[in-house]
Each structure stands twice: as structure tokens, then as C-alpha cells.
Amino acid sequence: MIDINDSESLRNIMSESLSRMIDNAVRSGWPDHDVALLLMELAEAHLMKVAAGVISDGALHSQRAVSLKN
């Protein structure tokens, strides 16, 4: 699990980068609501990718445990 101090540092770094990215998109003419919706879609896609990796890793660990018993 991530340390709370590390988490806050990561949050600050990502928040600054995200704010710059949003500002650039809005200055380029994209409506703020479209930028927000796209960010949600991208975050969801990343979450699904990470979750799939966790599920796959869990399945592999289970398979290894079963094979070690045999």
C-alpha cells in the first residue's frame, strides 16, 4: 500500500500536470465539459487496465499455489 506522504506527493505532481493539460486543451478550443468527460473516459480505461492486471496476477498466484501443492 502507498504511504500517505508518498500519496500526497504523487497527488501534487499529478494535479499540477493535469491542470496544465486541461488548461492547454481548453485554450486550444475544447469545451471544458468535453475535456472533463474525456478525462473520465481515460481514467476509467486506465483503471480497467490496472484491474485486469491485478485479476490476472491473482489468478497466476492461485495457479502457482495449486501447482506447488501437487
PDB file of N, CA and C in Angstrom:
ATOM      1  N   MET A   1       0.847  -1.179   0.000  1.00  0.00           N
ATOM      2  CA  MET A   1       0.000   0.000   0.000  1.00  0.00           C
ATOM      3  C   MET A   1       0.891   1.241   0.000  1.00  0.00           C
ATOM      4  N   ILE A   2       0.438   2.287  -0.626  1.00  0.00           N
ATOM      5  CA  ILE A   2       1.235   3.514  -0.740  1.00  0.00           C
ATOM      6  C   ILE A   2       1.222   4.279   0.587  1.00  0.00           C
ATOM      7  N   ASP A   3       2.356   4.825   0.936  1.00  0.00           N
ATOM      8  CA  ASP A   3       2.492   5.638   2.139  1.00  0.00           C
ATOM      9  C   ASP A   3       1.734   6.947   1.949  1.00  0.00           C
ATOM     10  N   ILE A   4       1.078   7.442   2.988  1.00  0.00           N
ATOM     11  CA  ILE A   4       0.271   8.668   2.901  1.00  0.00           C
ATOM     12  C   ILE A   4       1.105   9.856   2.447  1.00  0.00           C
ATOM     13  N   ASN A   5       2.365   9.949   2.888  1.00  0.00           N
ATOM     14  CA  ASN A   5       3.221  11.056   2.459  1.00  0.00           C
ATOM     15  C   ASN A   5       3.566  10.930   0.983  1.00  0.00           C
ATOM     16  N   ASP A   6       3.846   9.709   0.534  1.00  0.00           N
ATOM     17  CA  ASP A   6       4.116   9.488  -0.883  1.00  0.00           C
ATOM     18  C   ASP A   6       2.873   9.775  -1.710  1.00  0.00           C
ATOM     19  N   SER A   7       1.714   9.390  -1.184  1.00  0.00           N
ATOM     20  CA  SER A   7       0.456   9.608  -1.877  1.00  0.00           C
ATOM     21  C   SER A   7       0.205  11.099  -2.087  1.00  0.00           C
ATOM     22  N   GLU A   8       0.467  11.893  -1.064  1.00  0.00           N
ATOM     23  CA  GLU A   8       0.254  13.347  -1.163  1.00  0.00           C
ATOM     24  C   GLU A   8       1.208  13.952  -2.176  1.00  0.00           C
ATOM     25  N   SER A   9       2.446  13.493  -2.191  1.00  0.00           N
ATOM     26  CA  SER A   9       3.426  13.977  -3.158  1.00  0.00           C
ATOM     27  C   SER A   9       2.999  13.619  -4.575  1.00  0.00           C
ATOM     28  N   LEU A  10       2.570  12.383  -4.766  1.00  0.00           N
ATOM     29  CA  LEU A  10       2.100  11.952  -6.088  1.00  0.00           C
ATOM     30  C   LEU A  10       0.884  12.765  -6.505  1.00  0.00           C
ATOM     31  N   ARG A  11      -0.034  12.998  -5.568  1.00  0.00           N
ATOM     32  CA  ARG A  11      -1.236  13.791  -5.864  1.00  0.00           C
ATOM     33  C   ARG A  11      -0.861  15.194  -6.327  1.00  0.00           C
ATOM     34  N   ASN A  12       0.088  15.814  -5.650  1.00  0.00           N
ATOM     35  CA  ASN A  12       0.510  17.165  -6.031  1.00  0.00           C
ATOM     36  C   ASN A  12       1.126  17.197  -7.415  1.00  0.00           C
ATOM     37  N   ILE A  13       2.017  16.256  -7.689  1.00  0.00           N
ATOM     38  CA  ILE A  13       2.669  16.207  -9.000  1.00  0.00           C
ATOM     39  C   ILE A  13       1.641  15.978 -10.105  1.00  0.00           C
ATOM     40  N   MET A  14       0.751  15.008  -9.894  1.00  0.00           N
ATOM     41  CA  MET A  14      -0.240  14.702 -10.922  1.00  0.00           C
ATOM     42  C   MET A  14      -1.250  15.830 -11.085  1.00  0.00           C
ATOM     43  N   SER A  15      -1.612  16.473  -9.988  1.00  0.00           N
ATOM     44  CA  SER A  15      -2.563  17.574 -10.045  1.00  0.00           C
ATOM     45  C   SER A  15      -2.018  18.731 -10.882  1.00  0.00           C
ATOM     46  N   GLU A  16      -0.751  19.045 -10.670  1.00  0.00           N
ATOM     47  CA  GLU A  16      -0.136  20.126 -11.450  1.00  0.00           C
ATOM     48  C   GLU A  16      -0.098  19.770 -12.939  1.00  0.00           C
ATOM     49  N   SER A  17       0.310  18.555 -13.243  1.00  0.00           N
ATOM     50  CA  SER A  17       0.382  18.124 -14.642  1.00  0.00           C
ATOM     51  C   SER A  17      -0.996  18.096 -15.283  1.00  0.00           C
ATOM     52  N   LEU A  18      -1.966  17.595 -14.542  1.00  0.00           N
ATOM     53  CA  LEU A  18      -3.332  17.515 -15.052  1.00  0.00           C
ATOM     54  C   LEU A  18      -3.904  18.908 -15.299  1.00  0.00           C
ATOM     55  N   SER A  19      -3.657  19.819 -14.396  1.00  0.00           N
ATOM     56  CA  SER A  19      -4.140  21.199 -14.569  1.00  0.00           C
ATOM     57  C   SER A  19      -3.561  21.831 -15.826  1.00  0.00           C
ATOM     58  N   ARG A  20      -2.269  21.624 -16.060  1.00  0.00           N
ATOM     59  CA  ARG A  20      -1.646  22.158 -17.281  1.00  0.00           C
ATOM     60  C   ARG A  20      -2.262  21.536 -18.530  1.00  0.00           C
ATOM     61  N   MET A  21      -2.485  20.229 -18.490  1.00  0.00           N
ATOM     62  CA  MET A  21      -3.068  19.546 -19.635  1.00  0.00           C
ATOM     63  C   MET A  21      -4.481  20.063 -19.914  1.00  0.00           C
ATOM     64  N   ILE A  22      -5.277  20.226 -18.866  1.00  0.00           N
ATOM     65  CA  ILE A  22      -6.643  20.735 -19.021  1.00  0.00           C
ATOM     66  C   ILE A  22      -6.609  22.159 -19.573  1.00  0.00           C
ATOM     67  N   ASP A  23      -5.768  23.005 -19.010  1.00  0.00           N
ATOM     68  CA  ASP A  23      -5.654  24.391 -19.479  1.00  0.00           C
ATOM     69  C   ASP A  23      -5.270  24.430 -20.954  1.00  0.00           C
ATOM     70  N   ASN A  24      -4.327  23.594 -21.367  1.00  0.00           N
ATOM     71  CA  ASN A  24      -3.907  23.549 -22.769  1.00  0.00           C
ATOM     72  C   ASN A  24      -5.051  23.132 -23.681  1.00  0.00           C
ATOM     73  N   ALA A  25      -5.815  22.141 -23.259  1.00  0.00           N
ATOM     74  CA  ALA A  25      -6.936  21.671 -24.077  1.00  0.00           C
ATOM     75  C   ALA A  25      -8.009  22.752 -24.207  1.00  0.00           C
ATOM     76  N   VAL A  26      -8.329  23.417 -23.097  1.00  0.00           N
ATOM     77  CA  VAL A  26      -9.356  24.471 -23.125  1.00  0.00           C
ATOM     78  C   VAL A  26      -8.866  25.656 -23.964  1.00  0.00           C
ATOM     79  N   ARG A  27      -7.591  26.034 -23.806  1.00  0.00           N
ATOM     80  CA  ARG A  27      -7.042  27.131 -24.629  1.00  0.00           C
ATOM     81  C   ARG A  27      -7.036  26.783 -26.106  1.00  0.00           C
ATOM     82  N   SER A  28      -6.956  25.489 -26.416  1.00  0.00           N
ATOM     83  CA  SER A  28      -6.971  25.052 -27.812  1.00  0.00           C
ATOM     84  C   SER A  28      -8.374  25.042 -28.398  1.00  0.00           C
ATOM     85  N   GLY A  29      -9.353  25.345 -27.545  1.00  0.00           N
ATOM     86  CA  GLY A  29     -10.714  25.465 -28.052  1.00  0.00           C
ATOM     87  C   GLY A  29     -11.665  24.357 -27.641  1.00  0.00           C
ATOM     88  N   TRP A  30     -11.194  23.385 -26.908  1.00  0.00           N
ATOM     89  CA  TRP A  30     -12.078  22.313 -26.470  1.00  0.00           C
ATOM     90  C   TRP A  30     -12.913  22.780 -25.293  1.00  0.00           C
ATOM     91  N   PRO A  31     -14.222  22.520 -25.336  1.00  0.00           N
ATOM     92  CA  PRO A  31     -15.085  22.907 -24.210  1.00  0.00           C
ATOM     93  C   PRO A  31     -14.670  22.172 -22.934  1.00  0.00           C
ATOM     94  N   ASP A  32     -14.754  22.876 -21.819  1.00  0.00           N
ATOM     95  CA  ASP A  32     -14.347  22.321 -20.532  1.00  0.00           C
ATOM     96  C   ASP A  32     -15.075  21.012 -20.222  1.00  0.00           C
ATOM     97  N   HIS A  33     -16.367  20.958 -20.546  1.00  0.00           N
ATOM     98  CA  HIS A  33     -17.119  19.737 -20.235  1.00  0.00           C
ATOM     99  C   HIS A  33     -16.652  18.554 -21.086  1.00  0.00           C
ATOM    100  N   ASP A  34     -16.248  18.810 -22.343  1.00  0.00           N
ATOM    101  CA  ASP A  34     -15.716  17.731 -23.182  1.00  0.00           C
ATOM    102  C   ASP A  34     -14.383  17.223 -22.632  1.00  0.00           C
ATOM    103  N   VAL A  35     -13.564  18.134 -22.163  1.00  0.00           N
ATOM    104  CA  VAL A  35     -12.276  17.759 -21.574  1.00  0.00           C
ATOM    105  C   VAL A  35     -12.525  16.905 -20.325  1.00  0.00           C
ATOM    106  N   ALA A  36     -13.465  17.312 -19.498  1.00  0.00           N
ATOM    107  CA  ALA A  36     -13.778  16.565 -18.275  1.00  0.00           C
ATOM    108  C   ALA A  36     -14.276  15.163 -18.599  1.00  0.00           C
ATOM    109  N   LEU A  37     -15.167  15.056 -19.584  1.00  0.00           N
ATOM    110  CA  LEU A  37     -15.692  13.740 -19.956  1.00  0.00           C
ATOM    111  C   LEU A  37     -14.592  12.841 -20.518  1.00  0.00           C
ATOM    112  N   LEU A  38     -13.719  13.405 -21.328  1.00  0.00           N
ATOM    113  CA  LEU A  38     -12.625  12.619 -21.888  1.00  0.00           C
ATOM    114  C   LEU A  38     -11.670  12.151 -20.789  1.00  0.00           C
ATOM    115  N   LEU A  39     -11.396  13.026 -19.823  1.00  0.00           N
ATOM    116  CA  LEU A  39     -10.544  12.630 -18.699  1.00  0.00           C
ATOM    117  C   LEU A  39     -11.166  11.465 -17.931  1.00  0.00           C
ATOM    118  N   MET A  40     -12.460  11.501 -17.746  1.00  0.00           N
ATOM    119  CA  MET A  40     -13.144  10.397 -17.070  1.00  0.00           C
ATOM    120  C   MET A  40     -13.026   9.104 -17.871  1.00  0.00           C
ATOM    121  N   GLU A  41     -13.192   9.192 -19.198  1.00  0.00           N
ATOM    122  CA  GLU A  41     -13.061   8.004 -20.046  1.00  0.00           C
ATOM    123  C   GLU A  41     -11.651   7.435 -19.975  1.00  0.00           C
ATOM    124  N   LEU A  42     -10.653   8.324 -20.027  1.00  0.00           N
ATOM    125  CA  LEU A  42      -9.263   7.873 -19.963  1.00  0.00           C
ATOM    126  C   LEU A  42      -8.941   7.262 -18.604  1.00  0.00           C
ATOM    127  N   ALA A  43      -9.433   7.887 -17.540  1.00  0.00           N
ATOM    128  CA  ALA A  43      -9.199   7.349 -16.199  1.00  0.00           C
ATOM    129  C   ALA A  43      -9.865   5.986 -16.037  1.00  0.00           C
ATOM    130  N   GLU A  44     -11.070   5.847 -16.573  1.00  0.00           N
ATOM    131  CA  GLU A  44     -11.766   4.566 -16.489  1.00  0.00           C
ATOM    132  C   GLU A  44     -11.010   3.488 -17.264  1.00  0.00           C
ATOM    133  N   ALA A  45     -10.517   3.831 -18.445  1.00  0.00           N
ATOM    134  CA  ALA A  45      -9.753   2.866 -19.243  1.00  0.00           C
ATOM    135  C   ALA A  45      -8.490   2.436 -18.503  1.00  0.00           C
ATOM    136  N   HIS A  46      -7.825   3.385 -17.860  1.00  0.00           N
ATOM    137  CA  HIS A  46      -6.619   3.051 -17.100  1.00  0.00           C
ATOM    138  C   HIS A  46      -6.969   2.175 -15.905  1.00  0.00           C
ATOM    139  N   LEU A  47      -8.048   2.496 -15.217  1.00  0.00           N
ATOM    140  CA  LEU A  47      -8.483   1.709 -14.074  1.00  0.00           C
ATOM    141  C   LEU A  47      -8.799   0.276 -14.497  1.00  0.00           C
ATOM    142  N   MET A  48      -9.469   0.114 -15.616  1.00  0.00           N
ATOM    143  CA  MET A  48      -9.806  -1.221 -16.106  1.00  0.00           C
ATOM    144  C   MET A  48      -8.543  -2.001 -16.466  1.00  0.00           C
ATOM    145  N   LYS A  49      -7.570  -1.330 -17.058  1.00  0.00           N
ATOM    146  CA  LYS A  49      -6.301  -1.974 -17.405  1.00  0.00           C
ATOM    147  C   LYS A  49      -5.580  -2.443 -16.144  1.00  0.00           C
ATOM    148  N   VAL A  50      -5.524  -1.580 -15.143  1.00  0.00           N
ATOM    149  CA  VAL A  50      -4.859  -1.932 -13.887  1.00  0.00           C
ATOM    150  C   VAL A  50      -5.614  -3.068 -13.201  1.00  0.00           C
ATOM    151  N   ALA A  51      -6.933  -2.973 -13.169  1.00  0.00           N
ATOM    152  CA  ALA A  51      -7.745  -4.013 -12.525  1.00  0.00           C
ATOM    153  C   ALA A  51      -7.555  -5.352 -13.226  1.00  0.00           C
ATOM    154  N   ALA A  52      -7.504  -5.339 -14.544  1.00  0.00           N
ATOM    155  CA  ALA A  52      -7.290  -6.586 -15.290  1.00  0.00           C
ATOM    156  C   ALA A  52      -5.942  -7.189 -14.923  1.00  0.00           C
ATOM    157  N   GLY A  53      -4.928  -6.365 -14.754  1.00  0.00           N
ATOM    158  CA  GLY A  53      -3.614  -6.856 -14.351  1.00  0.00           C
ATOM    159  C   GLY A  53      -3.640  -7.459 -12.970  1.00  0.00           C
ATOM    160  N   VAL A  54      -4.375  -6.827 -12.055  1.00  0.00           N
ATOM    161  CA  VAL A  54      -4.483  -7.348 -10.689  1.00  0.00           C
ATOM    162  C   VAL A  54      -5.205  -8.693 -10.701  1.00  0.00           C
ATOM    163  N   ILE A  55      -6.269  -8.795 -11.491  1.00  0.00           N
ATOM    164  CA  ILE A  55      -7.018 -10.045 -11.585  1.00  0.00           C
ATOM    165  C   ILE A  55      -6.135 -11.139 -12.189  1.00  0.00           C
ATOM    166  N   SER A  56      -5.406 -10.793 -13.239  1.00  0.00           N
ATOM    167  CA  SER A  56      -4.514 -11.769 -13.876  1.00  0.00           C
ATOM    168  C   SER A  56      -3.431 -12.225 -12.916  1.00  0.00           C
ATOM    169  N   ASP A  57      -2.839 -11.283 -12.204  1.00  0.00           N
ATOM    170  CA  ASP A  57      -1.793 -11.623 -11.227  1.00  0.00           C
ATOM    171  C   ASP A  57      -2.354 -12.526 -10.143  1.00  0.00           C
ATOM    172  N   GLY A  58      -3.561 -12.225  -9.688  1.00  0.00           N
ATOM    173  CA  GLY A  58      -4.199 -13.053  -8.662  1.00  0.00           C
ATOM    174  C   GLY A  58      -4.449 -14.462  -9.152  1.00  0.00           C
ATOM    175  N   ALA A  59      -4.887 -14.585 -10.398  1.00  0.00           N
ATOM    176  CA  ALA A  59      -5.136 -15.909 -10.972  1.00  0.00           C
ATOM    177  C   ALA A  59      -3.832 -16.679 -11.108  1.00  0.00           C
ATOM    178  N   LEU A  60      -2.771 -16.002 -11.508  1.00  0.00           N
ATOM    179  CA  LEU A  60      -1.477 -16.666 -11.638  1.00  0.00           C
ATOM    180  C   LEU A  60      -0.965 -17.126 -10.284  1.00  0.00           C
ATOM    181  N   HIS A  61      -1.140 -16.296  -9.261  1.00  0.00           N
ATOM    182  CA  HIS A  61      -0.706 -16.685  -7.916  1.00  0.00           C
ATOM    183  C   HIS A  61      -1.490 -17.906  -7.435  1.00  0.00           C
ATOM    184  N   SER A  62      -2.784 -17.935  -7.724  1.00  0.00           N
ATOM    185  CA  SER A  62      -3.608 -19.071  -7.330  1.00  0.00           C
ATOM    186  C   SER A  62      -3.155 -20.339  -8.044  1.00  0.00           C
ATOM    187  N   GLN A  63      -2.860 -20.221  -9.342  1.00  0.00           N
ATOM    188  CA  GLN A  63      -2.394 -21.377 -10.108  1.00  0.00           C
ATOM    189  C   GLN A  63      -1.061 -21.881  -9.570  1.00  0.00           C
ATOM    190  N   ARG A  64      -0.174 -20.955  -9.224  1.00  0.00           N
ATOM    191  CA  ARG A  64       1.127 -21.357  -8.670  1.00  0.00           C
ATOM    192  C   ARG A  64       0.949 -22.069  -7.333  1.00  0.00           C
ATOM    193  N   ALA A  65       0.057 -21.565  -6.503  1.00  0.00           N
ATOM    194  CA  ALA A  65      -0.178 -22.177  -5.198  1.00  0.00           C
ATOM    195  C   ALA A  65      -0.714 -23.588  -5.371  1.00  0.00           C
ATOM    196  N   VAL A  66      -1.623 -23.785  -6.302  1.00  0.00           N
ATOM    197  CA  VAL A  66      -2.174 -25.116  -6.548  1.00  0.00           C
ATOM    198  C   VAL A  66      -1.101 -26.051  -7.081  1.00  0.00           C
ATOM    199  N   SER A  67      -0.272 -25.552  -7.992  1.00  0.00           N
ATOM    200  CA  SER A  67       0.770 -26.414  -8.557  1.00  0.00           C
ATOM    201  C   SER A  67       1.844 -26.763  -7.521  1.00  0.00           C
ATOM    202  N   LEU A  68       2.067 -25.877  -6.557  1.00  0.00           N
ATOM    203  CA  LEU A  68       3.040 -26.174  -5.504  1.00  0.00           C
ATOM    204  C   LEU A  68       2.512 -27.252  -4.556  1.00  0.00           C
ATOM    205  N   LYS A  69       1.216 -27.305  -4.373  1.00  0.00           N
ATOM    206  CA  LYS A  69       0.604 -28.315  -3.503  1.00  0.00           C
ATOM    207  C   LYS A  69       0.699 -29.706  -4.123  1.00  0.00           C
ATOM    208  N   ASN A  70       0.696 -29.742  -5.460  1.00  0.00           N
ATOM    209  CA  ASN A  70       0.699 -31.042  -6.153  1.00  0.00           C
ATOM    210  C   ASN A  70       2.080 -31.506  -6.364  1.00  0.00           C
TER     211      ASN A  70
END
